[in-house]
Amino acid sequence: MTAEKARAMTTTLHDFLHHTTYDDLPDEIRNFARRWLLDLIGVAAGGRGTSMSRIIHNHAARQFGGSGAQMLFDGRFVSPAGAALAGATTIDSLDAHDGHKLTKGHVGCGVFPSLLAFAQAEQLEDPQQFLTALALGYEIGTRAGIALHRTAADYHTSGAWVALAVAALGARVLRLNVAQTREAIGIAEYHGPRSQMMRTIDHPTMVKDGSGWGAMAGVSAAYLAQDGFTGAPALTVEQDAVTDLWADLGQNWRITEQYFKAYPVCRWAQPPLQAVLNLRKAHHLTSADVARIEITTFHESRRLAVTAPKTTEEAQYSTAFPTAVGMVRGSCGPADVEESSFSNPEIQRLARSMVIRESDIYNAAFPAKRIADVTLVLKDGRELQSGPTEAIGDPENPVSLETVVAKFRAYSEPVLGQRRMQDIETRVLGLGDHGDLTGLLPLLTAPL
């Protein structure tokens, strides 16, 4: 791209980022922002009980000292970068947050806690400004993710491109000029964690989707640009191969393309889990009726190969384990991916005997579609087939707001208590039209 084109692209992004107001957002987009915000808060509450969240919060308290922001559901003050790191890692610790098919990752996981940190550090109190910034973060992050997958051969974690979205939001909150905004985005892209996703798929650990590190890098990038630090041009914004992704800012709202996750496991594991739940309900089955489960799915789902998890990360990055949980318990929630579930003999029997095959047809459909089919081989000799199945909550067939609220309550009430949960729900669903941000922030940062 020529220097002139690069400047034009930067100006387009800058104008969208800095000049879009709450009044510019269609009602539908405001509602989507509230929906994903509520869901992310619920997942964060559920994730606070994980070892991953505990470790990262203590790490941030020791290594990211400062008084700029309180950590999510913790109360301790750290730097904004530390708060973003802890918050995004906490949400990432429970794989139940919204995502996007073509980015093969998650925008809100890093954007929301980073925006929360910026809001505290920079005294952003206007709820309309907060909700607008959250929506813009989804727009920029989704495009950056698609752009990176389009132009880079390796499959990188969400943190790689979430860093760019977070830096952009920091530029908005800090009111950086065109040149500074370009530098912030460039710094974030350069320093963003281009970690290889399939390494943690094959060896599930706490590094997961890199969202926490991406959030930290993005927050740091915005403050560095404010201080005059310079970065390389962001290729995911400025190269010719991706100009189409940025040309429709403010016209094509990609926040509507995010999917809702009904279960706290990798999206790739959810089609066979859903297929088993459908068969179980339709035929009034229990796990005692089933001799074994056979799954046909796409390559990435088959790569989730752990059958006998020893950690919650292994349980969340498994196809066999949550599918067995669904057959045994008729559901799969946060408690089902905790260590206490791993010794259940019936879940172990079904998970270890599971047959998982790969389909060229389903491979070709990925990532736009994630499809699996399941055969239940019953002990009486019958075979029940699900047919091609996708996870619920895709943007083509969205769940109702009532479903999102029910999940928020299920994840947050055991952790926050009914009163705090209800107060957060009321404030989030009314954010921007009534209520205030100053009343919501303490509910999100006070210790449990």
Protein backbone atom coordinates (compact mmCIF):
# COMPACT_ATOMS: atom_id res chain seq x y z
CA MET A 1 0.00 0.00 0.00
CA THR A 2 1.29 3.46 -0.86
CA ALA A 3 1.90 6.01 1.87
CA GLU A 4 -1.08 8.02 0.61
CA LYS A 5 -3.39 5.00 0.80
CA ALA A 6 -2.07 4.12 4.24
CA ARG A 7 -2.83 7.62 5.51
CA ALA A 8 -6.35 7.43 4.05
CA MET A 9 -7.00 4.07 5.70
CA THR A 10 -5.67 5.36 9.02
CA THR A 11 -7.89 8.43 8.75
CA THR A 12 -10.95 6.27 8.02
CA LEU A 13 -10.30 4.10 11.05
CA HIS A 14 -9.49 7.14 13.20
CA ASP A 15 -12.71 8.91 12.25
CA PHE A 16 -14.80 5.83 12.99
CA LEU A 17 -13.00 5.20 16.26
CA HIS A 18 -12.98 8.76 17.60
CA HIS A 19 -16.12 10.31 16.15
CA THR A 20 -18.74 7.57 16.44
CA THR A 21 -21.23 8.44 19.18
CA TYR A 22 -23.92 6.60 21.04
CA ASP A 23 -26.52 8.23 18.80
CA ASP A 24 -24.77 6.73 15.77
CA LEU A 25 -25.33 3.20 17.03
CA PRO A 26 -28.54 1.54 15.81
CA ASP A 27 -30.73 0.22 18.62
CA GLU A 28 -29.91 -3.32 17.55
CA ILE A 29 -26.19 -2.70 18.01
CA ARG A 30 -26.70 -1.18 21.45
CA ASN A 31 -28.66 -4.25 22.46
CA PHE A 32 -25.98 -6.58 21.16
CA ALA A 33 -23.36 -4.67 23.16
CA ARG A 34 -25.44 -5.06 26.33
CA ARG A 35 -26.03 -8.75 25.60
CA TRP A 36 -22.35 -9.58 25.17
CA LEU A 37 -21.37 -7.44 28.16
CA LEU A 38 -23.78 -9.29 30.44
CA ASP A 39 -22.57 -12.65 29.14
CA LEU A 40 -18.91 -11.73 29.64
CA ILE A 41 -19.56 -10.60 33.21
CA GLY A 42 -21.27 -13.91 33.98
CA VAL A 43 -18.38 -15.90 32.55
CA ALA A 44 -15.92 -13.76 34.51
CA ALA A 45 -17.80 -14.50 37.73
CA GLY A 46 -17.78 -18.21 36.94
CA GLY A 47 -14.09 -18.10 36.05
CA ARG A 48 -13.00 -16.46 39.31
CA GLY A 49 -13.00 -19.85 41.03
CA THR A 50 -10.39 -21.34 38.71
CA SER A 51 -6.74 -21.74 39.60
CA MET A 52 -5.90 -19.90 36.40
CA SER A 53 -7.75 -16.80 37.60
CA ARG A 54 -6.32 -16.97 41.11
CA ILE A 55 -2.75 -17.25 39.84
CA ILE A 56 -3.04 -14.40 37.33
CA HIS A 57 -4.68 -12.05 39.86
CA ASN A 58 -1.92 -12.66 42.38
CA HIS A 59 0.68 -12.25 39.64
CA ALA A 60 -0.80 -8.92 38.56
CA ALA A 61 -0.88 -7.72 42.18
CA ARG A 62 2.82 -8.54 42.58
CA GLN A 63 4.17 -7.60 39.15
CA PHE A 64 1.86 -4.87 37.81
CA GLY A 65 1.79 -2.45 40.70
CA GLY A 66 -0.09 0.80 40.47
CA SER A 67 -3.28 2.50 41.53
CA GLY A 68 -4.99 3.00 38.18
CA ALA A 69 -7.61 0.26 38.23
CA GLN A 70 -9.13 -2.43 40.41
CA MET A 71 -9.09 -5.99 39.14
CA LEU A 72 -12.32 -7.67 38.10
CA PHE A 73 -14.12 -9.22 41.11
CA ASP A 74 -10.99 -8.76 43.20
CA GLY A 75 -10.74 -5.22 44.56
CA ARG A 76 -6.96 -4.88 44.57
CA PHE A 77 -5.50 -1.91 42.69
CA VAL A 78 -2.98 -2.50 39.91
CA SER A 79 -1.94 -0.74 36.73
CA PRO A 80 -4.50 -0.64 33.88
CA ALA A 81 -2.36 -3.16 31.94
CA GLY A 82 -2.36 -5.48 34.95
CA ALA A 83 -6.11 -5.19 35.41
CA ALA A 84 -6.67 -5.98 31.73
CA LEU A 85 -4.34 -8.98 31.97
CA ALA A 86 -6.11 -10.38 35.01
CA GLY A 87 -9.62 -9.75 33.73
CA ALA A 88 -9.13 -11.17 30.26
CA THR A 89 -7.31 -14.23 31.61
CA THR A 90 -10.15 -14.82 34.07
CA ILE A 91 -12.77 -14.78 31.33
CA ASP A 92 -10.53 -17.01 29.21
CA SER A 93 -10.24 -19.46 32.12
CA LEU A 94 -13.84 -20.59 31.53
CA ASP A 95 -14.38 -21.22 27.83
CA ALA A 96 -17.95 -19.96 27.73
CA HIS A 97 -17.61 -16.48 26.19
CA ASP A 98 -18.84 -15.24 22.83
CA GLY A 99 -16.79 -15.81 19.69
CA HIS A 100 -16.67 -15.37 15.94
CA LYS A 101 -16.41 -18.06 13.28
CA LEU A 102 -14.00 -16.38 10.86
CA THR A 103 -11.66 -15.04 13.54
CA LYS A 104 -11.71 -18.49 15.12
CA GLY A 105 -11.54 -16.65 18.42
CA HIS A 106 -13.03 -14.19 20.87
CA VAL A 107 -13.18 -10.39 20.82
CA GLY A 108 -15.06 -9.51 24.00
CA CYS A 109 -12.84 -11.58 26.28
CA GLY A 110 -10.01 -9.05 25.98
CA VAL A 111 -11.91 -5.91 25.00
CA PHE A 112 -14.31 -5.70 27.95
CA PRO A 113 -11.82 -5.96 30.86
CA SER A 114 -9.42 -3.61 29.06
CA LEU A 115 -12.16 -1.03 28.58
CA LEU A 116 -13.09 -1.47 32.24
CA ALA A 117 -9.48 -0.74 33.20
CA PHE A 118 -9.31 2.33 30.93
CA ALA A 119 -12.61 3.60 32.34
CA GLN A 120 -11.29 3.47 35.88
CA ALA A 121 -7.86 4.89 35.11
CA GLU A 122 -9.16 7.76 32.99
CA GLN A 123 -12.36 8.48 34.95
CA LEU A 124 -14.70 7.52 32.12
CA GLU A 125 -18.11 7.76 33.81
CA ASP A 126 -20.50 8.20 30.88
CA PRO A 127 -22.39 4.92 30.32
CA GLN A 128 -23.15 5.83 26.71
CA GLN A 129 -19.45 6.37 26.03
CA PHE A 130 -18.64 3.01 27.64
CA LEU A 131 -21.22 1.08 25.65
CA THR A 132 -20.22 2.82 22.42
CA ALA A 133 -16.55 1.99 22.98
CA LEU A 134 -17.41 -1.65 23.68
CA ALA A 135 -19.31 -1.89 20.38
CA LEU A 136 -16.42 -0.27 18.50
CA GLY A 137 -14.02 -2.73 20.08
CA TYR A 138 -16.01 -5.60 18.60
CA GLU A 139 -15.96 -3.96 15.17
CA ILE A 140 -12.21 -3.36 15.13
CA GLY A 141 -11.27 -6.62 16.82
CA THR A 142 -13.37 -8.79 14.51
CA ARG A 143 -11.90 -7.17 11.41
CA ALA A 144 -8.35 -7.43 12.75
CA GLY A 145 -8.89 -11.11 13.47
CA ILE A 146 -10.23 -11.88 10.02
CA ALA A 147 -7.39 -9.87 8.49
CA LEU A 148 -4.72 -11.78 10.38
CA HIS A 149 -6.16 -15.16 9.41
CA ARG A 150 -6.39 -14.01 5.81
CA THR A 151 -2.78 -12.85 5.60
CA ALA A 152 -0.80 -15.08 8.00
CA ALA A 153 -0.18 -18.77 7.36
CA ASP A 154 -0.16 -19.85 11.00
CA TYR A 155 -3.24 -19.99 13.23
CA HIS A 156 -2.68 -17.44 16.00
CA THR A 157 -4.57 -17.05 19.26
CA SER A 158 -7.08 -14.27 19.86
CA GLY A 159 -4.54 -12.24 21.81
CA ALA A 160 -2.69 -11.49 18.57
CA TRP A 161 -5.48 -9.32 17.20
CA VAL A 162 -7.34 -8.43 20.42
CA ALA A 163 -4.24 -6.37 21.24
CA LEU A 164 -5.00 -4.15 18.26
CA ALA A 165 -8.64 -3.63 19.26
CA VAL A 166 -7.66 -2.80 22.83
CA ALA A 167 -5.06 -0.28 21.68
CA ALA A 168 -7.69 1.36 19.49
CA LEU A 169 -10.06 1.70 22.44
CA GLY A 170 -7.23 3.14 24.49
CA ALA A 171 -6.63 5.68 21.74
CA ARG A 172 -10.30 6.66 21.92
CA VAL A 173 -10.38 6.98 25.70
CA LEU A 174 -7.06 8.86 25.78
CA ARG A 175 -8.15 11.05 22.83
CA LEU A 176 -5.04 10.39 20.82
CA ASN A 177 -4.63 12.19 17.51
CA VAL A 178 -4.42 10.51 14.10
CA ALA A 179 -0.67 9.96 14.25
CA GLN A 180 -0.73 8.68 17.83
CA THR A 181 -3.65 6.35 17.08
CA ARG A 182 -1.74 4.87 14.17
CA GLU A 183 1.30 4.33 16.38
CA ALA A 184 -0.81 2.71 19.14
CA ILE A 185 -2.32 0.23 16.72
CA GLY A 186 1.05 -0.45 15.17
CA ILE A 187 2.71 -1.05 18.55
CA ALA A 188 -0.10 -3.40 19.56
CA GLU A 189 0.07 -5.44 16.39
CA TYR A 190 3.86 -5.72 16.64
CA HIS A 191 3.85 -6.71 20.32
CA GLY A 192 0.65 -8.73 20.27
CA PRO A 193 1.19 -12.40 21.23
CA ARG A 194 1.24 -14.30 17.94
CA SER A 195 1.04 -17.55 19.85
CA GLN A 196 0.16 -20.72 17.96
CA MET A 197 -3.33 -21.85 18.90
CA MET A 198 -2.96 -25.49 17.93
CA ARG A 199 -0.10 -25.95 20.40
CA THR A 200 -2.45 -25.35 23.30
CA ILE A 201 -5.14 -27.44 21.61
CA ASP A 202 -2.73 -30.38 21.54
CA HIS A 203 -1.37 -29.60 25.02
CA PRO A 204 -4.11 -27.77 26.98
CA THR A 205 -2.71 -25.50 29.68
CA MET A 206 -3.37 -22.09 31.18
CA VAL A 207 -1.90 -20.16 28.23
CA LYS A 208 -5.15 -20.92 26.36
CA ASP A 209 -6.21 -18.27 23.82
CA GLY A 210 -3.66 -15.60 24.70
CA SER A 211 -6.39 -13.06 25.41
CA GLY A 212 -4.92 -11.80 28.67
CA TRP A 213 -1.52 -11.14 27.15
CA GLY A 214 -3.14 -9.46 24.15
CA ALA A 215 -5.19 -7.20 26.42
CA MET A 216 -2.09 -6.26 28.40
CA ALA A 217 -0.16 -5.50 25.20
CA GLY A 218 -2.99 -3.39 23.83
CA VAL A 219 -3.38 -1.28 26.98
CA SER A 220 0.37 -0.74 27.12
CA ALA A 221 0.45 0.22 23.44
CA ALA A 222 -2.08 3.01 23.91
CA TYR A 223 -0.19 4.54 26.82
CA LEU A 224 3.13 4.17 25.00
CA ALA A 225 1.77 5.99 21.96
CA GLN A 226 0.49 8.76 24.21
CA ASP A 227 4.04 9.17 25.50
CA GLY A 228 5.52 9.36 22.01
CA PHE A 229 6.61 5.74 21.50
CA THR A 230 6.45 4.69 17.85
CA GLY A 231 5.49 1.41 16.20
CA ALA A 232 5.60 -0.33 12.85
CA PRO A 233 2.54 0.07 10.57
CA ALA A 234 -0.26 -2.36 11.40
CA LEU A 235 -0.42 -4.65 8.39
CA THR A 236 -3.80 -6.04 9.41
CA VAL A 237 -5.13 -2.53 8.78
CA GLU A 238 -2.93 -1.03 6.10
CA GLN A 239 -2.00 -3.71 3.56
CA ASP A 240 -3.92 -3.92 0.29
CA ALA A 241 -5.18 -7.45 0.94
CA VAL A 242 -7.45 -6.30 3.78
CA THR A 243 -8.77 -2.91 2.68
CA ASP A 244 -12.23 -4.36 2.05
CA LEU A 245 -12.52 -5.35 5.71
CA TRP A 246 -12.16 -1.75 6.86
CA ALA A 247 -14.10 -0.02 4.10
CA ASP A 248 -17.51 -0.79 5.63
CA LEU A 249 -16.90 0.47 9.18
CA GLY A 250 -20.13 1.87 10.55
CA GLN A 251 -22.20 0.19 7.84
CA ASN A 252 -21.71 -3.54 8.39
CA TRP A 253 -21.82 -4.16 12.14
CA ARG A 254 -19.83 -7.30 12.89
CA ILE A 255 -20.86 -7.38 16.54
CA THR A 256 -23.98 -9.10 15.23
CA GLU A 257 -21.83 -11.95 13.86
CA GLN A 258 -20.66 -13.22 17.24
CA TYR A 259 -21.92 -16.56 18.50
CA PHE A 260 -23.25 -17.39 21.95
CA LYS A 261 -21.77 -20.33 23.83
CA ALA A 262 -24.23 -22.43 25.77
CA TYR A 263 -21.54 -24.62 27.33
CA PRO A 264 -18.13 -23.82 28.93
CA VAL A 265 -16.01 -25.80 26.48
CA CYS A 266 -14.28 -25.10 23.19
CA ARG A 267 -16.71 -24.23 20.40
CA TRP A 268 -15.25 -27.06 18.32
CA ALA A 269 -16.47 -29.57 20.92
CA GLN A 270 -20.00 -28.21 21.07
CA PRO A 271 -21.58 -29.71 17.89
CA PRO A 272 -21.17 -33.35 19.08
CA LEU A 273 -22.17 -32.34 22.60
CA GLN A 274 -25.31 -30.71 21.22
CA ALA A 275 -26.03 -33.76 19.05
CA VAL A 276 -25.85 -36.05 22.09
CA LEU A 277 -28.10 -33.77 24.12
CA ASN A 278 -30.62 -33.70 21.27
CA LEU A 279 -30.67 -37.51 20.97
CA ARG A 280 -30.83 -37.98 24.72
CA LYS A 281 -33.87 -35.75 25.00
CA ALA A 282 -35.65 -36.97 21.86
CA HIS A 283 -35.39 -40.65 22.81
CA HIS A 284 -35.67 -40.28 26.61
CA LEU A 285 -32.32 -41.95 27.15
CA THR A 286 -29.92 -42.23 30.04
CA SER A 287 -26.25 -43.08 29.81
CA ALA A 288 -27.07 -46.59 31.03
CA ASP A 289 -28.76 -47.20 27.67
CA VAL A 290 -25.60 -46.39 25.69
CA ALA A 291 -22.80 -48.81 24.89
CA ARG A 292 -20.65 -46.23 23.10
CA ILE A 293 -20.73 -42.92 21.26
CA GLU A 294 -19.35 -42.47 17.74
CA ILE A 295 -18.60 -38.97 16.45
CA THR A 296 -17.85 -37.73 12.95
CA THR A 297 -16.53 -34.19 12.98
CA PHE A 298 -13.98 -31.77 11.49
CA HIS A 299 -10.22 -31.91 11.97
CA GLU A 300 -9.90 -29.21 14.63
CA SER A 301 -12.59 -30.86 16.75
CA ARG A 302 -10.85 -34.23 16.50
CA ARG A 303 -7.62 -32.54 17.63
CA LEU A 304 -9.32 -31.88 20.99
CA ALA A 305 -8.11 -35.34 21.90
CA VAL A 306 -8.04 -35.48 25.71
CA THR A 307 -10.34 -38.25 26.97
CA ALA A 308 -9.34 -38.37 30.64
CA PRO A 309 -8.68 -34.78 31.75
CA LYS A 310 -6.69 -33.98 34.85
CA THR A 311 -7.23 -30.19 34.75
CA THR A 312 -10.11 -27.94 33.84
CA GLU A 313 -8.11 -26.70 30.84
CA GLU A 314 -7.90 -30.26 29.50
CA ALA A 315 -11.63 -30.73 30.12
CA GLN A 316 -12.50 -27.55 28.24
CA TYR A 317 -10.26 -28.46 25.29
CA SER A 318 -11.71 -31.93 24.83
CA THR A 319 -14.35 -33.30 22.51
CA ALA A 320 -14.86 -36.66 24.19
CA PHE A 321 -15.15 -35.52 27.81
CA PRO A 322 -17.96 -32.90 27.55
CA THR A 323 -19.85 -35.13 25.12
CA ALA A 324 -19.75 -37.89 27.73
CA VAL A 325 -20.82 -35.40 30.40
CA GLY A 326 -23.80 -34.43 28.28
CA MET A 327 -24.87 -38.04 27.89
CA VAL A 328 -24.54 -38.75 31.60
CA ARG A 329 -25.95 -35.55 33.06
CA GLY A 330 -28.11 -34.07 30.31
CA SER A 331 -26.23 -30.77 30.45
CA CYS A 332 -22.75 -29.31 30.71
CA GLY A 333 -22.04 -26.35 32.98
CA PRO A 334 -19.14 -24.83 34.90
CA ALA A 335 -19.24 -27.47 37.64
CA ASP A 336 -18.95 -30.21 35.01
CA VAL A 337 -15.49 -29.06 33.89
CA GLU A 338 -14.11 -28.92 37.41
CA GLU A 339 -11.81 -31.59 38.79
CA SER A 340 -14.59 -33.08 40.92
CA SER A 341 -16.26 -34.44 37.76
CA PHE A 342 -13.20 -36.20 36.38
CA SER A 343 -13.52 -39.34 38.50
CA ASN A 344 -17.14 -40.10 37.59
CA PRO A 345 -16.94 -43.72 36.35
CA GLU A 346 -19.82 -43.42 33.88
CA ILE A 347 -18.34 -40.30 32.26
CA GLN A 348 -14.96 -42.05 32.11
CA ARG A 349 -16.50 -45.13 30.47
CA LEU A 350 -18.15 -43.19 27.68
CA ALA A 351 -15.24 -40.80 27.10
CA ARG A 352 -12.61 -43.51 26.87
CA SER A 353 -14.65 -45.73 24.56
CA MET A 354 -15.63 -42.89 22.23
CA VAL A 355 -14.84 -43.25 18.52
CA ILE A 356 -14.05 -39.95 16.78
CA ARG A 357 -13.63 -39.75 13.00
CA GLU A 358 -12.88 -36.89 10.63
CA SER A 359 -15.02 -35.87 7.65
CA ASP A 360 -13.68 -34.20 4.50
CA ILE A 361 -17.08 -32.58 4.03
CA TYR A 362 -17.06 -31.09 7.52
CA ASN A 363 -13.43 -30.02 7.07
CA ALA A 364 -14.37 -28.12 3.92
CA ALA A 365 -17.19 -26.33 5.73
CA PHE A 366 -14.90 -25.12 8.55
CA PRO A 367 -14.59 -22.40 9.87
CA ALA A 368 -17.79 -20.87 8.46
CA LYS A 369 -19.64 -23.92 9.74
CA ARG A 370 -18.68 -26.28 12.55
CA ILE A 371 -20.54 -29.53 11.98
CA ALA A 372 -20.56 -32.95 13.60
CA ASP A 373 -22.84 -35.95 13.66
CA VAL A 374 -23.22 -38.56 16.35
CA THR A 375 -24.24 -42.21 16.42
CA LEU A 376 -25.35 -43.65 19.75
CA VAL A 377 -24.78 -47.40 19.81
CA LEU A 378 -27.23 -48.67 22.40
CA LYS A 379 -26.81 -51.73 24.56
CA ASP A 380 -29.89 -53.32 22.97
CA GLY A 381 -28.17 -53.20 19.56
CA ARG A 382 -29.98 -50.20 18.11
CA GLU A 383 -28.10 -47.26 16.58
CA LEU A 384 -29.48 -43.72 16.80
CA GLN A 385 -28.08 -41.07 14.48
CA SER A 386 -28.22 -37.33 14.99
CA GLY A 387 -27.52 -36.18 11.44
CA PRO A 388 -25.35 -33.09 10.81
CA THR A 389 -25.51 -30.84 13.88
CA GLU A 390 -24.15 -27.41 14.76
CA ALA A 391 -23.87 -25.80 18.16
CA ILE A 392 -26.72 -23.57 19.28
CA GLY A 393 -26.20 -19.82 19.45
CA ASP A 394 -24.77 -19.17 15.99
CA PRO A 395 -25.60 -15.70 14.63
CA GLU A 396 -27.75 -17.25 11.87
CA ASN A 397 -29.98 -18.70 14.59
CA PRO A 398 -29.42 -16.56 17.69
CA VAL A 399 -30.70 -17.47 21.12
CA SER A 400 -33.14 -15.20 22.90
CA LEU A 401 -32.14 -12.55 25.41
CA GLU A 402 -33.89 -14.68 28.02
CA THR A 403 -31.43 -17.48 27.30
CA VAL A 404 -28.48 -15.13 27.72
CA VAL A 405 -29.89 -13.83 31.00
CA ALA A 406 -30.53 -17.36 32.28
CA LYS A 407 -26.92 -18.31 31.61
CA PHE A 408 -25.67 -15.12 33.31
CA ARG A 409 -27.70 -15.98 36.40
CA ALA A 410 -26.55 -19.60 36.44
CA TYR A 411 -22.88 -18.61 36.22
CA SER A 412 -22.91 -15.56 38.50
CA GLU A 413 -25.39 -16.19 41.32
CA PRO A 414 -23.37 -18.98 43.02
CA VAL A 415 -20.38 -16.63 43.06
CA LEU A 416 -21.90 -13.17 43.59
CA GLY A 417 -25.11 -13.91 45.45
CA GLN A 418 -28.59 -13.04 44.27
CA ARG A 419 -28.64 -9.35 45.21
CA ARG A 420 -25.33 -8.43 43.54
CA MET A 421 -26.20 -10.54 40.52
CA GLN A 422 -29.58 -8.83 40.08
CA ASP A 423 -28.07 -5.38 40.52
CA ILE A 424 -25.49 -6.04 37.78
CA GLU A 425 -28.13 -7.47 35.46
CA THR A 426 -30.41 -4.47 35.86
CA ARG A 427 -27.63 -1.96 35.32
CA VAL A 428 -26.13 -3.71 32.30
CA LEU A 429 -29.43 -4.22 30.48
CA GLY A 430 -30.27 -0.55 31.01
CA LEU A 431 -26.79 0.79 30.30
CA GLY A 432 -26.86 3.84 28.09
CA ASP A 433 -30.59 4.49 28.26
CA HIS A 434 -30.79 4.85 32.03
CA GLY A 435 -28.61 4.13 35.02
CA ASP A 436 -24.98 5.13 35.37
CA LEU A 437 -21.52 3.66 35.07
CA THR A 438 -20.38 4.77 38.52
CA GLY A 439 -22.90 2.45 40.12
CA LEU A 440 -21.86 -0.52 37.96
CA LEU A 441 -18.09 -0.30 38.37
CA PRO A 442 -17.99 -1.13 42.11
CA LEU A 443 -20.20 -4.15 41.48
CA LEU A 444 -17.67 -5.45 38.95
CA THR A 445 -14.52 -4.76 40.95
CA ALA A 446 -15.40 -5.36 44.61
CA PRO A 447 -13.88 -8.55 46.01
CA LEU A 448 -15.93 -11.70 46.29
